[in-house]
Amino acid sequence: MIKLNQGAQVVPQNLTLKIVGLSGNYEYITKPLLEYQQSVNTYLVRIRLPASIGSNGFRIALEGDIVRGSRFQRLSSEVFYPTTSCFRITNVRNYYALFPNQKTAIYFKLSNNSPVDDRYTILCSNSEDYDIEVGHPRIISADPSRRRRTEVKKSNPVRLEAGSYASYTVTVSAPENLVSGRSVIVNCVASSEAEQMIEFIRLTEMNDPDL
């Protein structure tokens, strides 16, 4: 996900994504970026990493035109490393907020993109030590011949077949007394024998559930 702080000055039709390898090689992504409907000037990036990038890590560059006619380029400060799996947040309920005595649900998707089966463990925590629960994963098999392609597994760790994925619901239970405006950082880690993936999100404490 990419958010432009000065998106109004950018021509959205001309935005181009480039994968820049740490070895100096690069590849352009020709598919148009998808606008993220829940946030202004925010775009979703889904890429299939080209083999030419290698395994040493890469950055994401965004290039495009500015309304007044000049060009711009922005390079991510974070370095990304290729993995055979993908772990990402797909949705957040309650307006990214925590309300007194209520639960906020965060939805995750874990994909096994490798050619072999693997086992994954999901662990979540938060900066205020509020009660947090990782729900049972819903497994979606990659095998179209299966009679039941979707199955709920009451297990953590969970085994994912090659090409299959699992959806998780993580709930954070807020106590009665909150500090309005305070940020609570939720961290979730998906681990297998070969790799570890981390997702985090910032929730805001609110006192009035009607806001």
N, C-alpha and C. Protein backbone atom coordinates (compact mmCIF):
# COMPACT_ATOMS: atom_id res chain seq x y z
N MET A 1 0.84 -1.18 0.00
CA MET A 1 0.00 0.00 0.00
C MET A 1 0.89 1.24 0.00
N ILE A 2 0.59 2.18 -0.89
CA ILE A 2 1.37 3.41 -1.02
C ILE A 2 0.43 4.60 -0.83
N LYS A 3 0.82 5.52 0.04
CA LYS A 3 0.03 6.73 0.26
C LYS A 3 0.88 7.94 -0.13
N LEU A 4 0.30 8.81 -0.97
CA LEU A 4 0.99 10.02 -1.40
C LEU A 4 0.54 11.19 -0.52
N ASN A 5 1.50 11.81 0.15
CA ASN A 5 1.16 12.92 1.05
C ASN A 5 0.66 14.15 0.29
N GLN A 6 1.10 14.33 -0.94
CA GLN A 6 0.67 15.45 -1.76
C GLN A 6 0.05 14.93 -3.06
N GLY A 7 -0.89 14.01 -2.88
CA GLY A 7 -1.48 13.32 -4.02
C GLY A 7 -2.25 14.22 -4.97
N ALA A 8 -2.76 15.34 -4.48
CA ALA A 8 -3.53 16.24 -5.33
C ALA A 8 -2.66 16.86 -6.42
N GLN A 9 -1.35 16.87 -6.22
CA GLN A 9 -0.44 17.47 -7.20
C GLN A 9 0.06 16.47 -8.24
N VAL A 10 -0.38 15.23 -8.12
CA VAL A 10 0.12 14.16 -8.98
C VAL A 10 -0.95 13.76 -10.01
N VAL A 11 -0.50 13.42 -11.21
CA VAL A 11 -1.41 12.91 -12.24
C VAL A 11 -1.55 11.40 -12.02
N PRO A 12 -2.69 10.93 -11.49
CA PRO A 12 -2.79 9.51 -11.10
C PRO A 12 -2.71 8.55 -12.28
N GLN A 13 -3.14 8.99 -13.47
CA GLN A 13 -3.13 8.09 -14.63
C GLN A 13 -1.72 7.72 -15.08
N ASN A 14 -0.72 8.52 -14.71
CA ASN A 14 0.64 8.30 -15.18
C ASN A 14 1.57 7.69 -14.13
N LEU A 15 1.02 7.26 -13.01
CA LEU A 15 1.87 6.67 -11.97
C LEU A 15 2.43 5.33 -12.43
N THR A 16 3.72 5.14 -12.22
CA THR A 16 4.41 3.92 -12.63
C THR A 16 5.19 3.36 -11.46
N LEU A 17 5.11 2.05 -11.29
CA LEU A 17 5.81 1.38 -10.20
C LEU A 17 7.07 0.71 -10.75
N LYS A 18 8.15 0.79 -9.98
CA LYS A 18 9.40 0.16 -10.38
C LYS A 18 9.99 -0.59 -9.20
N ILE A 19 10.39 -1.84 -9.41
CA ILE A 19 11.07 -2.64 -8.40
C ILE A 19 12.57 -2.47 -8.59
N VAL A 20 13.24 -1.97 -7.56
CA VAL A 20 14.67 -1.69 -7.66
C VAL A 20 15.43 -2.67 -6.76
N GLY A 21 16.19 -3.56 -7.37
CA GLY A 21 16.98 -4.53 -6.60
C GLY A 21 18.18 -3.89 -5.95
N LEU A 22 18.61 -4.44 -4.82
CA LEU A 22 19.77 -3.89 -4.12
C LEU A 22 21.05 -4.08 -4.93
N SER A 23 21.01 -4.96 -5.92
CA SER A 23 22.18 -5.16 -6.78
C SER A 23 22.24 -4.15 -7.92
N GLY A 24 21.24 -3.25 -7.98
CA GLY A 24 21.24 -2.24 -9.03
C GLY A 24 20.33 -2.55 -10.20
N ASN A 25 19.82 -3.77 -10.28
CA ASN A 25 18.89 -4.12 -11.35
C ASN A 25 17.48 -3.63 -11.02
N TYR A 26 16.64 -3.50 -12.01
CA TYR A 26 15.27 -3.02 -11.76
C TYR A 26 14.33 -3.56 -12.83
N GLU A 27 13.03 -3.53 -12.49
CA GLU A 27 11.98 -3.95 -13.40
C GLU A 27 10.80 -3.00 -13.23
N TYR A 28 10.20 -2.58 -14.36
CA TYR A 28 8.99 -1.77 -14.32
C TYR A 28 7.76 -2.67 -14.26
N ILE A 29 6.76 -2.24 -13.50
CA ILE A 29 5.48 -2.93 -13.44
C ILE A 29 4.50 -2.14 -14.30
N THR A 30 4.00 -2.75 -15.34
CA THR A 30 3.20 -2.01 -16.32
C THR A 30 1.71 -1.95 -15.96
N LYS A 31 1.26 -2.81 -15.02
CA LYS A 31 -0.15 -2.78 -14.66
C LYS A 31 -0.49 -1.48 -13.91
N PRO A 32 -1.66 -0.89 -14.16
CA PRO A 32 -2.05 0.33 -13.45
C PRO A 32 -2.27 0.06 -11.96
N LEU A 33 -1.98 1.06 -11.13
CA LEU A 33 -2.17 0.92 -9.69
C LEU A 33 -3.65 1.00 -9.34
N LEU A 34 -4.06 0.24 -8.33
CA LEU A 34 -5.45 0.24 -7.88
C LEU A 34 -5.63 1.26 -6.77
N GLU A 35 -6.64 2.13 -6.91
CA GLU A 35 -6.93 3.09 -5.85
C GLU A 35 -7.57 2.39 -4.67
N TYR A 36 -7.11 2.74 -3.45
CA TYR A 36 -7.67 2.19 -2.23
C TYR A 36 -8.84 3.06 -1.81
N GLN A 37 -10.06 2.49 -1.86
CA GLN A 37 -11.28 3.29 -1.71
C GLN A 37 -11.46 3.86 -0.30
N GLN A 38 -10.80 3.27 0.70
CA GLN A 38 -11.02 3.70 2.08
C GLN A 38 -10.09 4.84 2.50
N SER A 39 -9.19 5.27 1.61
CA SER A 39 -8.26 6.34 1.97
C SER A 39 -7.89 7.13 0.72
N VAL A 40 -7.89 8.45 0.84
CA VAL A 40 -7.60 9.32 -0.30
C VAL A 40 -6.11 9.24 -0.67
N ASN A 41 -5.83 9.29 -1.97
CA ASN A 41 -4.44 9.30 -2.48
C ASN A 41 -3.64 8.09 -2.02
N THR A 42 -4.30 6.94 -1.90
CA THR A 42 -3.66 5.71 -1.47
C THR A 42 -3.88 4.64 -2.54
N TYR A 43 -2.83 3.87 -2.82
CA TYR A 43 -2.88 2.89 -3.89
C TYR A 43 -2.41 1.53 -3.39
N LEU A 44 -3.06 0.48 -3.90
CA LEU A 44 -2.68 -0.88 -3.56
C LEU A 44 -1.69 -1.40 -4.60
N VAL A 45 -0.66 -2.06 -4.11
CA VAL A 45 0.37 -2.61 -4.99
C VAL A 45 0.41 -4.12 -4.83
N ARG A 46 0.12 -4.84 -5.91
CA ARG A 46 0.25 -6.30 -5.92
C ARG A 46 1.23 -6.66 -7.02
N ILE A 47 2.31 -7.30 -6.65
CA ILE A 47 3.34 -7.60 -7.63
C ILE A 47 3.71 -9.08 -7.58
N ARG A 48 4.06 -9.61 -8.72
CA ARG A 48 4.69 -10.92 -8.81
C ARG A 48 6.16 -10.65 -9.09
N LEU A 49 7.00 -10.95 -8.12
CA LEU A 49 8.40 -10.54 -8.19
C LEU A 49 9.11 -11.22 -9.36
N PRO A 50 9.67 -10.46 -10.28
CA PRO A 50 10.41 -11.06 -11.40
C PRO A 50 11.65 -11.80 -10.90
N ALA A 51 11.99 -12.89 -11.58
CA ALA A 51 13.16 -13.69 -11.17
C ALA A 51 14.45 -12.89 -11.30
N SER A 52 14.46 -11.89 -12.18
CA SER A 52 15.69 -11.11 -12.40
C SER A 52 16.08 -10.26 -11.20
N ILE A 53 15.16 -10.02 -10.29
CA ILE A 53 15.45 -9.21 -9.10
C ILE A 53 16.34 -9.96 -8.13
N GLY A 54 16.23 -11.29 -8.12
CA GLY A 54 17.07 -12.08 -7.22
C GLY A 54 16.52 -12.12 -5.80
N SER A 55 17.36 -12.52 -4.86
CA SER A 55 16.91 -12.72 -3.48
C SER A 55 17.63 -11.82 -2.48
N ASN A 56 18.32 -10.80 -2.96
CA ASN A 56 19.10 -9.93 -2.07
C ASN A 56 18.28 -8.79 -1.47
N GLY A 57 17.02 -8.67 -1.85
CA GLY A 57 16.19 -7.58 -1.34
C GLY A 57 15.95 -6.53 -2.41
N PHE A 58 14.91 -5.72 -2.19
CA PHE A 58 14.56 -4.71 -3.17
C PHE A 58 13.81 -3.56 -2.50
N ARG A 59 13.76 -2.43 -3.19
CA ARG A 59 12.94 -1.29 -2.79
C ARG A 59 11.89 -1.04 -3.86
N ILE A 60 10.87 -0.27 -3.47
CA ILE A 60 9.80 0.10 -4.40
C ILE A 60 9.96 1.57 -4.76
N ALA A 61 9.96 1.86 -6.04
CA ALA A 61 10.03 3.25 -6.52
C ALA A 61 8.72 3.61 -7.22
N LEU A 62 8.27 4.82 -7.00
CA LEU A 62 7.06 5.33 -7.65
C LEU A 62 7.45 6.53 -8.49
N GLU A 63 7.11 6.48 -9.78
CA GLU A 63 7.43 7.55 -10.69
C GLU A 63 6.15 8.08 -11.32
N GLY A 64 6.17 9.36 -11.71
CA GLY A 64 4.99 9.93 -12.34
C GLY A 64 5.15 11.39 -12.69
N ASP A 65 4.05 11.99 -13.11
CA ASP A 65 4.02 13.39 -13.50
C ASP A 65 3.33 14.23 -12.44
N ILE A 66 3.84 15.46 -12.24
CA ILE A 66 3.19 16.43 -11.38
C ILE A 66 2.30 17.32 -12.24
N VAL A 67 1.21 17.80 -11.67
CA VAL A 67 0.21 18.56 -12.41
C VAL A 67 0.83 19.72 -13.18
N ARG A 68 1.81 20.38 -12.59
CA ARG A 68 2.38 21.56 -13.25
C ARG A 68 3.39 21.20 -14.35
N GLY A 69 3.59 19.90 -14.61
CA GLY A 69 4.37 19.52 -15.77
C GLY A 69 5.68 18.81 -15.50
N SER A 70 6.22 18.83 -14.30
CA SER A 70 7.50 18.19 -14.03
C SER A 70 7.31 16.73 -13.62
N ARG A 71 8.41 15.99 -13.51
CA ARG A 71 8.39 14.59 -13.13
C ARG A 71 8.82 14.43 -11.67
N PHE A 72 8.46 13.31 -11.06
CA PHE A 72 8.91 13.02 -9.70
C PHE A 72 9.21 11.53 -9.58
N GLN A 73 10.05 11.21 -8.60
CA GLN A 73 10.33 9.82 -8.25
C GLN A 73 10.51 9.71 -6.75
N ARG A 74 9.87 8.71 -6.14
CA ARG A 74 10.01 8.47 -4.71
C ARG A 74 10.44 7.02 -4.50
N LEU A 75 11.50 6.83 -3.70
CA LEU A 75 12.03 5.50 -3.43
C LEU A 75 11.76 5.15 -1.97
N SER A 76 11.23 3.96 -1.73
CA SER A 76 10.91 3.55 -0.36
C SER A 76 12.18 3.44 0.47
N SER A 77 12.10 3.88 1.72
CA SER A 77 13.24 3.74 2.63
C SER A 77 13.36 2.31 3.13
N GLU A 78 12.25 1.59 3.14
CA GLU A 78 12.26 0.21 3.64
C GLU A 78 12.73 -0.74 2.55
N VAL A 79 13.51 -1.72 2.96
CA VAL A 79 13.98 -2.76 2.05
C VAL A 79 13.09 -3.99 2.23
N PHE A 80 12.60 -4.54 1.13
CA PHE A 80 11.76 -5.73 1.16
C PHE A 80 12.58 -6.94 0.70
N TYR A 81 12.24 -8.09 1.29
CA TYR A 81 12.96 -9.31 0.93
C TYR A 81 11.97 -10.34 0.41
N PRO A 82 12.33 -11.04 -0.67
CA PRO A 82 11.41 -12.03 -1.24
C PRO A 82 11.10 -13.15 -0.25
N THR A 83 9.86 -13.56 -0.21
CA THR A 83 9.45 -14.69 0.62
C THR A 83 8.61 -15.63 -0.24
N THR A 84 8.48 -16.86 0.24
CA THR A 84 7.62 -17.81 -0.47
C THR A 84 6.20 -17.76 0.06
N SER A 85 5.96 -16.90 1.04
CA SER A 85 4.63 -16.76 1.63
C SER A 85 4.26 -15.28 1.66
N CYS A 86 2.97 -15.01 1.91
CA CYS A 86 2.50 -13.64 2.02
C CYS A 86 1.54 -13.54 3.20
N PHE A 87 1.75 -12.52 4.04
CA PHE A 87 0.92 -12.29 5.22
C PHE A 87 0.54 -10.82 5.23
N ARG A 88 -0.76 -10.53 5.15
CA ARG A 88 -1.16 -9.13 5.04
C ARG A 88 -2.53 -8.89 5.68
N ILE A 89 -2.76 -7.64 6.06
CA ILE A 89 -4.06 -7.20 6.58
C ILE A 89 -4.99 -6.92 5.42
N THR A 90 -6.21 -7.43 5.49
CA THR A 90 -7.18 -7.21 4.42
C THR A 90 -8.31 -6.26 4.81
N ASN A 91 -8.59 -6.13 6.11
CA ASN A 91 -9.67 -5.23 6.53
C ASN A 91 -9.59 -4.99 8.03
N VAL A 92 -10.13 -3.86 8.48
CA VAL A 92 -10.18 -3.51 9.90
C VAL A 92 -11.57 -2.94 10.20
N ARG A 93 -12.20 -3.45 11.23
CA ARG A 93 -13.52 -2.96 11.63
C ARG A 93 -13.39 -1.83 12.66
N ASN A 94 -14.52 -1.22 12.98
CA ASN A 94 -14.60 -0.19 14.02
C ASN A 94 -13.75 1.05 13.69
N TYR A 95 -13.60 1.34 12.39
CA TYR A 95 -12.94 2.58 11.97
C TYR A 95 -11.52 2.71 12.50
N TYR A 96 -10.79 1.59 12.60
CA TYR A 96 -9.41 1.60 13.11
C TYR A 96 -9.35 2.18 14.53
N ALA A 97 -10.40 1.93 15.32
CA ALA A 97 -10.47 2.52 16.66
C ALA A 97 -10.80 1.44 17.69
N LEU A 98 -10.51 1.78 18.94
CA LEU A 98 -10.89 0.96 20.09
C LEU A 98 -11.89 1.74 20.92
N PHE A 99 -13.04 1.10 21.24
CA PHE A 99 -14.06 1.73 22.05
C PHE A 99 -14.21 0.96 23.36
N PRO A 100 -14.64 1.63 24.45
CA PRO A 100 -14.74 0.97 25.76
C PRO A 100 -15.61 -0.29 25.71
N ASN A 101 -15.08 -1.36 26.27
CA ASN A 101 -15.79 -2.64 26.39
C ASN A 101 -16.26 -3.19 25.05
N GLN A 102 -15.54 -2.88 23.99
CA GLN A 102 -15.88 -3.41 22.68
C GLN A 102 -14.67 -4.11 22.06
N LYS A 103 -14.97 -4.94 21.06
CA LYS A 103 -13.91 -5.65 20.34
C LYS A 103 -13.72 -5.03 18.96
N THR A 104 -12.48 -4.88 18.55
CA THR A 104 -12.14 -4.44 17.20
C THR A 104 -11.52 -5.61 16.46
N ALA A 105 -12.08 -5.92 15.29
CA ALA A 105 -11.63 -7.07 14.51
C ALA A 105 -10.68 -6.64 13.41
N ILE A 106 -9.59 -7.38 13.26
CA ILE A 106 -8.60 -7.16 12.20
C ILE A 106 -8.53 -8.45 11.39
N TYR A 107 -8.62 -8.33 10.08
CA TYR A 107 -8.66 -9.50 9.20
C TYR A 107 -7.33 -9.66 8.46
N PHE A 108 -6.82 -10.88 8.44
CA PHE A 108 -5.53 -11.19 7.81
C PHE A 108 -5.70 -12.29 6.78
N LYS A 109 -4.79 -12.29 5.81
CA LYS A 109 -4.71 -13.37 4.84
C LYS A 109 -3.28 -13.88 4.79
N LEU A 110 -3.14 -15.20 4.92
CA LEU A 110 -1.84 -15.85 4.89
C LEU A 110 -1.81 -16.82 3.71
N SER A 111 -0.87 -16.62 2.78
CA SER A 111 -0.80 -17.44 1.57
C SER A 111 0.51 -18.22 1.54
N ASN A 112 0.42 -19.49 1.15
CA ASN A 112 1.61 -20.30 0.93
C ASN A 112 1.84 -20.37 -0.58
N ASN A 113 2.77 -19.57 -1.07
CA ASN A 113 3.03 -19.48 -2.50
C ASN A 113 4.17 -20.40 -2.95
N SER A 114 4.68 -21.21 -2.05
CA SER A 114 5.80 -22.10 -2.39
C SER A 114 5.26 -23.38 -3.04
N PRO A 115 6.12 -24.16 -3.67
CA PRO A 115 5.68 -25.42 -4.30
C PRO A 115 5.52 -26.57 -3.32
N VAL A 116 5.78 -26.35 -2.02
CA VAL A 116 5.67 -27.42 -1.02
C VAL A 116 4.79 -26.97 0.13
N ASP A 117 4.25 -27.92 0.88
CA ASP A 117 3.45 -27.61 2.05
C ASP A 117 4.32 -27.02 3.15
N ASP A 118 3.68 -26.24 4.06
CA ASP A 118 4.44 -25.65 5.16
C ASP A 118 3.51 -25.45 6.35
N ARG A 119 4.10 -25.30 7.53
CA ARG A 119 3.34 -25.07 8.77
C ARG A 119 3.62 -23.65 9.26
N TYR A 120 2.55 -22.98 9.71
CA TYR A 120 2.65 -21.59 10.13
C TYR A 120 2.04 -21.42 11.51
N THR A 121 2.68 -20.55 12.30
CA THR A 121 2.17 -20.16 13.61
C THR A 121 1.91 -18.66 13.61
N ILE A 122 0.73 -18.24 14.09
CA ILE A 122 0.36 -16.83 14.16
C ILE A 122 0.32 -16.40 15.62
N LEU A 123 1.11 -15.37 15.96
CA LEU A 123 1.13 -14.81 17.31
C LEU A 123 0.90 -13.30 17.21
N CYS A 124 0.02 -12.77 18.08
CA CYS A 124 -0.30 -11.34 18.05
C CYS A 124 -0.16 -10.75 19.45
N SER A 125 0.22 -9.48 19.50
CA SER A 125 0.34 -8.75 20.76
C SER A 125 -0.02 -7.29 20.50
N ASN A 126 -0.10 -6.50 21.57
CA ASN A 126 -0.37 -5.07 21.40
C ASN A 126 0.35 -4.29 22.48
N SER A 127 0.55 -3.01 22.23
CA SER A 127 1.39 -2.17 23.09
C SER A 127 0.79 -1.90 24.46
N GLU A 128 -0.52 -2.13 24.65
CA GLU A 128 -1.15 -1.89 25.95
C GLU A 128 -1.53 -3.17 26.67
N ASP A 129 -1.13 -4.30 26.12
CA ASP A 129 -1.42 -5.62 26.71
C ASP A 129 -2.92 -5.86 26.91
N TYR A 130 -3.74 -5.35 26.02
CA TYR A 130 -5.17 -5.66 26.05
C TYR A 130 -5.37 -7.10 25.59
N ASP A 131 -6.51 -7.67 25.98
CA ASP A 131 -6.81 -9.04 25.56
C ASP A 131 -6.88 -9.10 24.03
N ILE A 132 -6.19 -10.07 23.45
CA ILE A 132 -6.16 -10.23 22.01
C ILE A 132 -6.29 -11.71 21.69
N GLU A 133 -7.07 -12.01 20.67
CA GLU A 133 -7.37 -13.40 20.33
C GLU A 133 -7.19 -13.62 18.83
N VAL A 134 -6.48 -14.70 18.49
CA VAL A 134 -6.33 -15.12 17.10
C VAL A 134 -7.36 -16.19 16.82
N GLY A 135 -8.30 -15.92 15.92
CA GLY A 135 -9.36 -16.87 15.63
C GLY A 135 -8.88 -18.06 14.83
N HIS A 136 -9.75 -19.08 14.72
CA HIS A 136 -9.41 -20.27 13.96
C HIS A 136 -9.31 -19.91 12.47
N PRO A 137 -8.28 -20.39 11.79
CA PRO A 137 -8.12 -20.04 10.38
C PRO A 137 -9.13 -20.77 9.49
N ARG A 138 -9.58 -20.05 8.46
CA ARG A 138 -10.41 -20.65 7.42
C ARG A 138 -9.49 -20.95 6.23
N ILE A 139 -9.30 -22.22 5.93
CA ILE A 139 -8.36 -22.66 4.90
C ILE A 139 -9.08 -22.76 3.56
N ILE A 140 -8.50 -22.19 2.54
CA ILE A 140 -9.02 -22.29 1.17
C ILE A 140 -7.99 -23.05 0.35
N SER A 141 -8.36 -24.24 -0.09
CA SER A 141 -7.43 -25.12 -0.81
C SER A 141 -7.25 -24.65 -2.25
N ALA A 142 -6.07 -24.92 -2.79
CA ALA A 142 -5.77 -24.57 -4.17
C ALA A 142 -6.22 -25.67 -5.13
N ASP A 143 -6.65 -26.81 -4.60
CA ASP A 143 -7.04 -27.95 -5.44
C ASP A 143 -8.51 -27.83 -5.84
N PRO A 144 -8.83 -27.52 -7.10
CA PRO A 144 -10.23 -27.35 -7.51
C PRO A 144 -11.02 -28.65 -7.52
N SER A 145 -10.35 -29.79 -7.47
CA SER A 145 -11.06 -31.07 -7.50
C SER A 145 -11.60 -31.49 -6.14
N ARG A 146 -11.20 -30.78 -5.11
CA ARG A 146 -11.66 -31.14 -3.77
C ARG A 146 -13.15 -30.83 -3.60
N ARG A 147 -13.83 -31.71 -2.90
CA ARG A 147 -15.25 -31.50 -2.65
C ARG A 147 -15.47 -30.31 -1.71
N ARG A 148 -14.61 -30.24 -0.71
CA ARG A 148 -14.68 -29.10 0.23
C ARG A 148 -13.39 -28.32 0.12
N ARG A 149 -13.43 -27.20 -0.58
CA ARG A 149 -12.24 -26.39 -0.76
C ARG A 149 -12.01 -25.46 0.42
N THR A 150 -13.07 -25.20 1.22
CA THR A 150 -12.97 -24.32 2.37
C THR A 150 -13.19 -25.12 3.65
N GLU A 151 -12.30 -24.93 4.62
CA GLU A 151 -12.39 -25.69 5.86
C GLU A 151 -11.84 -24.86 7.01
N VAL A 152 -12.53 -24.88 8.16
CA VAL A 152 -12.06 -24.18 9.36
C VAL A 152 -11.22 -25.16 10.19
N LYS A 153 -9.99 -24.75 10.50
CA LYS A 153 -9.08 -25.58 11.28
C LYS A 153 -8.93 -25.00 12.68
N LYS A 154 -9.19 -25.81 13.69
CA LYS A 154 -8.99 -25.36 15.07
C LYS A 154 -7.58 -25.72 15.49
N SER A 155 -6.63 -24.99 14.89
CA SER A 155 -5.22 -25.32 15.12
C SER A 155 -4.35 -24.10 14.92
N ASN A 156 -3.34 -23.98 15.75
CA ASN A 156 -2.30 -22.96 15.62
C ASN A 156 -1.03 -23.53 16.27
N PRO A 157 -0.09 -24.05 15.50
CA PRO A 157 0.16 -23.81 14.08
C PRO A 157 -0.82 -24.55 13.16
N VAL A 158 -0.81 -24.12 11.89
CA VAL A 158 -1.68 -24.73 10.90
C VAL A 158 -0.83 -25.12 9.68
N ARG A 159 -1.20 -26.22 9.06
CA ARG A 159 -0.50 -26.68 7.85
C ARG A 159 -1.23 -26.17 6.62
N LEU A 160 -0.47 -25.51 5.75
CA LEU A 160 -1.02 -25.01 4.49
C LEU A 160 -0.38 -25.76 3.33
N GLU A 161 -1.24 -26.31 2.49
CA GLU A 161 -0.73 -26.97 1.30
C GLU A 161 -0.17 -25.93 0.33
N ALA A 162 0.66 -26.36 -0.57
CA ALA A 162 1.23 -25.47 -1.57
C ALA A 162 0.12 -24.81 -2.38
N GLY A 163 0.18 -23.48 -2.50
CA GLY A 163 -0.80 -22.74 -3.27
C GLY A 163 -2.07 -22.38 -2.54
N SER A 164 -2.26 -22.87 -1.32
CA SER A 164 -3.48 -22.57 -0.57
C SER A 164 -3.26 -21.35 0.33
N TYR A 165 -4.35 -20.85 0.91
CA TYR A 165 -4.23 -19.71 1.82
C TYR A 165 -5.23 -19.84 2.96
N ALA A 166 -5.01 -19.05 4.00
CA ALA A 166 -5.87 -19.06 5.18
C ALA A 166 -6.26 -17.63 5.53
N SER A 167 -7.50 -17.45 5.98
CA SER A 167 -7.95 -16.14 6.46
C SER A 167 -8.14 -16.22 7.97
N TYR A 168 -7.68 -15.18 8.65
CA TYR A 168 -7.74 -15.10 10.10
C TYR A 168 -8.50 -13.85 10.54
N THR A 169 -9.18 -13.96 11.69
CA THR A 169 -9.76 -12.80 12.35
C THR A 169 -9.10 -12.65 13.71
N VAL A 170 -8.46 -11.51 13.92
CA VAL A 170 -7.82 -11.20 15.20
C VAL A 170 -8.65 -10.13 15.90
N THR A 171 -9.06 -10.37 17.13
CA THR A 171 -9.88 -9.41 17.86
C THR A 171 -9.13 -8.85 19.06
N VAL A 172 -9.22 -7.53 19.21
CA VAL A 172 -8.63 -6.83 20.35
C VAL A 172 -9.78 -6.34 21.23
N SER A 173 -9.78 -6.75 22.49
CA SER A 173 -10.83 -6.37 23.44
C SER A 173 -10.38 -5.18 24.27
N ALA A 174 -11.08 -4.06 24.12
CA ALA A 174 -10.71 -2.86 24.86
C ALA A 174 -11.37 -2.86 26.24
N PRO A 175 -10.68 -2.38 27.28
CA PRO A 175 -11.27 -2.29 28.61
C PRO A 175 -12.23 -1.10 28.70
N GLU A 176 -12.77 -0.89 29.89
CA GLU A 176 -13.74 0.20 30.07
C GLU A 176 -13.07 1.57 30.05
N ASN A 177 -11.90 1.68 30.65
CA ASN A 177 -11.24 2.98 30.77
C ASN A 177 -10.16 3.12 29.69
N LEU A 178 -10.41 4.01 28.75
CA LEU A 178 -9.47 4.28 27.67
C LEU A 178 -9.01 5.72 27.73
N VAL A 179 -7.88 6.00 27.10
CA VAL A 179 -7.35 7.35 27.00
C VAL A 179 -7.64 7.85 25.58
N SER A 180 -8.59 8.75 25.46
CA SER A 180 -9.02 9.19 24.14
C SER A 180 -7.85 9.77 23.33
N GLY A 181 -7.67 9.24 22.11
CA GLY A 181 -6.61 9.72 21.24
C GLY A 181 -5.32 8.92 21.32
N ARG A 182 -5.19 8.06 22.32
CA ARG A 182 -3.96 7.29 22.46
C ARG A 182 -3.89 6.20 21.39
N SER A 183 -2.70 5.96 20.86
CA SER A 183 -2.49 4.93 19.84
C SER A 183 -2.10 3.61 20.50
N VAL A 184 -2.67 2.54 19.98
CA VAL A 184 -2.32 1.19 20.41
C VAL A 184 -1.79 0.44 19.19
N ILE A 185 -0.56 -0.04 19.27
CA ILE A 185 0.06 -0.74 18.16
C ILE A 185 -0.19 -2.23 18.31
N VAL A 186 -0.79 -2.83 17.28
CA VAL A 186 -1.03 -4.27 17.25
C VAL A 186 -0.03 -4.91 16.30
N ASN A 187 0.72 -5.90 16.80
CA ASN A 187 1.71 -6.62 16.00
C ASN A 187 1.29 -8.07 15.85
N CYS A 188 1.34 -8.58 14.63
CA CYS A 188 1.07 -9.99 14.38
C CYS A 188 2.22 -10.58 13.58
N VAL A 189 2.66 -11.75 14.00
CA VAL A 189 3.80 -12.41 13.38
C VAL A 189 3.36 -13.78 12.87
N ALA A 190 3.63 -14.04 11.59
CA ALA A 190 3.40 -15.36 11.00
C ALA A 190 4.75 -16.01 10.78
N SER A 191 4.96 -17.17 11.41
CA SER A 191 6.27 -17.84 11.35
C SER A 191 6.13 -19.24 10.78
N SER A 192 7.11 -19.60 9.95
CA SER A 192 7.25 -20.98 9.47
C SER A 192 8.69 -21.39 9.73
N GLU A 193 9.06 -22.58 9.32
CA GLU A 193 10.43 -23.02 9.54
C GLU A 193 11.42 -22.19 8.72
N ALA A 194 10.97 -21.65 7.60
CA ALA A 194 11.89 -20.96 6.68
C ALA A 194 11.89 -19.45 6.82
N GLU A 195 10.80 -18.86 7.29
CA GLU A 195 10.72 -17.40 7.27
C GLU A 195 9.76 -16.88 8.33
N GLN A 196 9.82 -15.56 8.49
CA GLN A 196 8.96 -14.87 9.45
C GLN A 196 8.44 -13.59 8.82
N MET A 197 7.13 -13.36 8.94
CA MET A 197 6.50 -12.17 8.37
C MET A 197 5.77 -11.42 9.46
N ILE A 198 5.86 -10.09 9.43
CA ILE A 198 5.29 -9.24 10.48
C ILE A 198 4.35 -8.21 9.86
N GLU A 199 3.18 -8.06 10.45
CA GLU A 199 2.26 -6.99 10.10
C GLU A 199 1.90 -6.24 11.37
N PHE A 200 1.81 -4.92 11.28
CA PHE A 200 1.38 -4.15 12.44
C PHE A 200 0.41 -3.07 11.99
N ILE A 201 -0.42 -2.64 12.94
CA ILE A 201 -1.43 -1.63 12.64
C ILE A 201 -1.62 -0.77 13.88
N ARG A 202 -1.97 0.48 13.64
CA ARG A 202 -2.17 1.44 14.73
C ARG A 202 -3.68 1.67 14.92
N LEU A 203 -4.18 1.38 16.13
CA LEU A 203 -5.57 1.65 16.49
C LEU A 203 -5.63 2.83 17.45
N THR A 204 -6.69 3.62 17.38
CA THR A 204 -6.84 4.81 18.22
C THR A 204 -7.92 4.61 19.26
N GLU A 205 -7.61 4.89 20.51
CA GLU A 205 -8.59 4.75 21.59
C GLU A 205 -9.60 5.91 21.53
N MET A 206 -10.87 5.56 21.69
CA MET A 206 -11.97 6.53 21.68
C MET A 206 -12.85 6.29 22.89
N ASN A 207 -13.37 7.37 23.48
CA ASN A 207 -14.24 7.23 24.63
C ASN A 207 -15.71 7.15 24.26
N ASP A 208 -16.11 7.74 23.13
CA ASP A 208 -17.51 7.82 22.74
C ASP A 208 -17.77 6.84 21.61
N PRO A 209 -18.53 5.76 21.84
CA PRO A 209 -18.79 4.79 20.77
C PRO A 209 -19.67 5.32 19.66
N ASP A 210 -20.29 6.49 19.85
CA ASP A 210 -21.15 7.07 18.82
C ASP A 210 -20.38 7.92 17.83
N LEU A 211 -19.06 8.13 18.04
CA LEU A 211 -18.28 8.95 17.12
C LEU A 211 -18.08 8.24 15.80
